[in-house]
Protein backbone atom coordinates (compact mmCIF):
# COMPACT_ATOMS: atom_id res chain seq x y z
CA MET A 1 -35.91 -19.40 -39.61
CA ARG A 2 -32.92 -19.30 -37.26
CA THR A 3 -32.91 -17.11 -34.23
CA LYS A 4 -30.06 -14.76 -33.73
CA GLN A 5 -27.63 -15.88 -31.05
CA VAL A 6 -27.35 -13.40 -28.21
CA ARG A 7 -23.75 -12.70 -27.18
CA PRO A 8 -22.54 -10.51 -24.37
CA ASP A 9 -20.95 -7.22 -25.25
CA PRO A 10 -17.17 -7.57 -25.63
CA ILE A 11 -15.20 -6.07 -22.76
CA GLU A 12 -12.28 -3.81 -23.48
CA PHE A 13 -10.23 -4.89 -20.44
CA GLU A 14 -10.25 -8.06 -18.37
CA TYR A 15 -8.75 -6.54 -15.22
CA GLU A 16 -8.55 -3.27 -13.35
CA LEU A 17 -5.76 -2.15 -11.02
CA ASN A 18 -6.16 0.76 -8.63
CA ILE A 19 -2.94 2.07 -7.07
CA SER A 20 -3.03 4.36 -4.06
CA LYS A 21 -0.95 5.52 -1.11
CA LYS A 22 -2.34 4.57 2.27
CA MET A 23 -1.28 4.87 5.89
CA ASP A 24 -1.19 1.84 8.16
CA ASP A 25 -2.09 3.28 11.56
CA VAL A 26 -1.16 0.08 13.41
CA VAL A 27 2.40 -0.09 12.01
CA GLY A 28 2.72 3.66 11.57
CA LYS A 29 4.01 3.35 7.99
CA GLU A 30 2.85 4.48 4.61
CA TYR A 31 2.35 1.82 1.93
CA LEU A 32 1.34 1.50 -1.71
CA LEU A 33 -1.86 -0.47 -2.22
CA PHE A 34 -2.21 -2.46 -5.44
CA ASP A 35 -5.90 -3.40 -5.68
CA PHE A 36 -6.48 -5.83 -8.59
CA ARG A 37 -10.04 -6.67 -9.70
CA THR A 38 -11.77 -8.36 -12.59
CA VAL A 39 -13.99 -6.18 -14.74
CA LYS A 40 -16.49 -9.04 -14.87
CA GLU A 41 -18.73 -9.61 -11.87
CA PHE A 42 -19.54 -13.16 -10.86
CA ARG A 43 -23.07 -14.10 -9.80
CA ASN A 44 -22.58 -17.09 -7.51
CA PHE A 45 -19.22 -16.64 -5.80
CA ILE A 46 -16.62 -13.97 -5.20
CA TYR A 47 -13.48 -15.56 -6.60
CA ARG A 48 -9.94 -14.63 -5.66
CA LEU A 49 -7.41 -13.62 -8.29
CA SER A 50 -4.29 -15.78 -8.26
CA ILE A 51 -1.44 -13.30 -8.62
CA TYR A 52 2.23 -13.94 -7.97
CA ASP A 53 4.50 -11.02 -7.24
CA THR A 54 8.22 -10.49 -7.74
CA ILE A 55 9.24 -7.25 -6.05
CA ASP A 56 12.83 -5.98 -6.34
CA LEU A 57 13.03 -2.61 -4.59
CA GLN A 58 16.77 -2.23 -5.25
CA LYS A 59 16.27 -2.58 -9.01
CA LYS A 60 13.00 -0.64 -8.73
CA VAL A 61 11.00 -3.34 -10.51
CA LEU A 62 7.51 -4.42 -9.40
CA LYS A 63 6.25 -7.52 -11.22
CA PHE A 64 2.81 -9.08 -10.90
CA ASN A 65 1.76 -12.19 -12.82
CA ILE A 66 -2.00 -12.79 -13.08
CA GLU A 67 -2.46 -16.57 -13.28
CA GLY A 68 -6.26 -16.77 -13.12
CA LEU A 69 -9.00 -17.35 -10.57
CA SER A 70 -9.15 -19.53 -7.49
CA ALA A 71 -12.34 -20.81 -5.90
CA PRO A 72 -13.61 -19.23 -2.70
CA GLU A 73 -12.82 -20.94 0.59
CA LEU A 74 -16.33 -20.56 1.97
CA SER A 75 -19.33 -22.14 0.32
CA LEU A 76 -21.63 -19.17 0.95
CA SER A 77 -23.09 -17.71 -2.19
CA GLU A 78 -22.20 -14.08 -2.84
CA SER A 79 -21.79 -12.09 -6.04
CA GLY A 80 -19.06 -9.64 -7.00
CA GLN A 81 -15.71 -9.18 -8.70
CA ALA A 82 -12.65 -11.37 -8.18
CA PHE A 83 -9.93 -9.42 -6.38
CA PHE A 84 -6.39 -9.42 -4.97
CA LYS A 85 -4.78 -6.76 -2.77
CA TYR A 86 -1.06 -6.24 -2.26
CA LYS A 87 0.49 -3.80 0.22
CA LEU A 88 4.01 -2.56 -0.56
CA TYR A 89 5.82 -1.20 2.48
CA ASP A 90 9.37 0.25 2.48
CA PHE A 91 8.97 1.87 -0.92
CA LYS A 92 10.96 4.98 -1.84
CA ASN A 93 9.74 8.12 -3.58
CA THR A 94 11.35 7.32 -6.93
CA GLU A 95 10.53 5.86 -10.34
CA TYR A 96 9.58 2.18 -10.68
CA VAL A 97 8.94 -0.21 -13.54
CA LEU A 98 5.54 -1.85 -13.08
CA ASP A 99 5.34 -5.06 -15.11
CA ILE A 100 1.94 -6.76 -15.12
CA ALA A 101 1.80 -10.10 -16.92
CA LYS A 102 -1.10 -12.38 -17.81
CA ASN A 103 -0.09 -16.05 -17.51
CA ALA A 104 3.57 -14.97 -17.90
CA LYS A 105 2.95 -14.40 -21.63
CA THR A 106 1.41 -11.01 -22.30
CA HIS A 107 3.09 -8.11 -20.48
CA ASN A 108 1.87 -4.56 -19.87
CA VAL A 109 4.81 -2.45 -18.70
CA TYR A 110 4.32 0.92 -17.04
CA GLY A 111 6.71 3.55 -15.76
CA MET A 112 5.45 4.81 -12.41
CA LYS A 113 6.88 7.72 -10.44
CA VAL A 114 6.05 7.78 -6.75
CA GLY A 115 6.34 11.27 -5.28
CA LYS A 116 5.86 12.59 -1.78
CA ASN A 117 2.26 13.61 -2.44
CA ASP A 118 1.26 11.73 -5.59
CA ILE A 119 1.83 8.89 -8.06
CA LYS A 120 2.18 9.50 -11.81
CA PHE A 121 2.74 7.39 -14.91
CA THR A 122 5.84 8.13 -16.96
CA LYS A 123 5.20 5.34 -19.48
CA VAL A 124 2.07 3.42 -20.50
CA PRO A 125 1.74 0.45 -22.89
CA THR A 126 0.11 1.04 -26.25
CA SER A 127 -0.73 -2.44 -27.54
CA LYS A 128 -2.38 -5.64 -26.23
CA ILE A 129 -3.59 -3.91 -23.09
CA PHE A 130 -5.54 -6.37 -20.94
CA ILE A 131 -5.64 -4.27 -17.76
CA ILE A 132 -6.63 -0.69 -17.02
CA VAL A 133 -4.48 0.92 -14.33
CA ASN A 134 -5.77 3.86 -12.30
CA ILE A 135 -4.12 6.10 -9.72
CA LYS A 136 -6.47 6.75 -6.80
CA LYS A 137 -6.09 9.68 -4.45
CA ASP A 138 -7.58 9.42 -0.97
């Protein structure tokens, strides 16, 4: 008799992005924080997400391309999610296109309106969503 193979539960999303407005007290400027994380937690190392950005503030387009994981620089063992943080200074309170790609192939495109006191979505993708995007208020 064969034993049943145990498989992990499928995950709905591979990545999570938390967007929030923060204040940099050293510079004295407000910035948008894009905090990318994997949904999966790693047991032996905390990896770093390899993400390349193309920011065009004049065209109001914010592009991030998730390429994968890179190994940690230190050899100390620690568990946790892979992450990448990006701080966007000099933004304007207006509407932006947020284009998040996975390996430059699959794109999730959002419409994002940045107001004086909040951030809202004006458009969200409906198919092949590989990332969940949240607005965080502090």
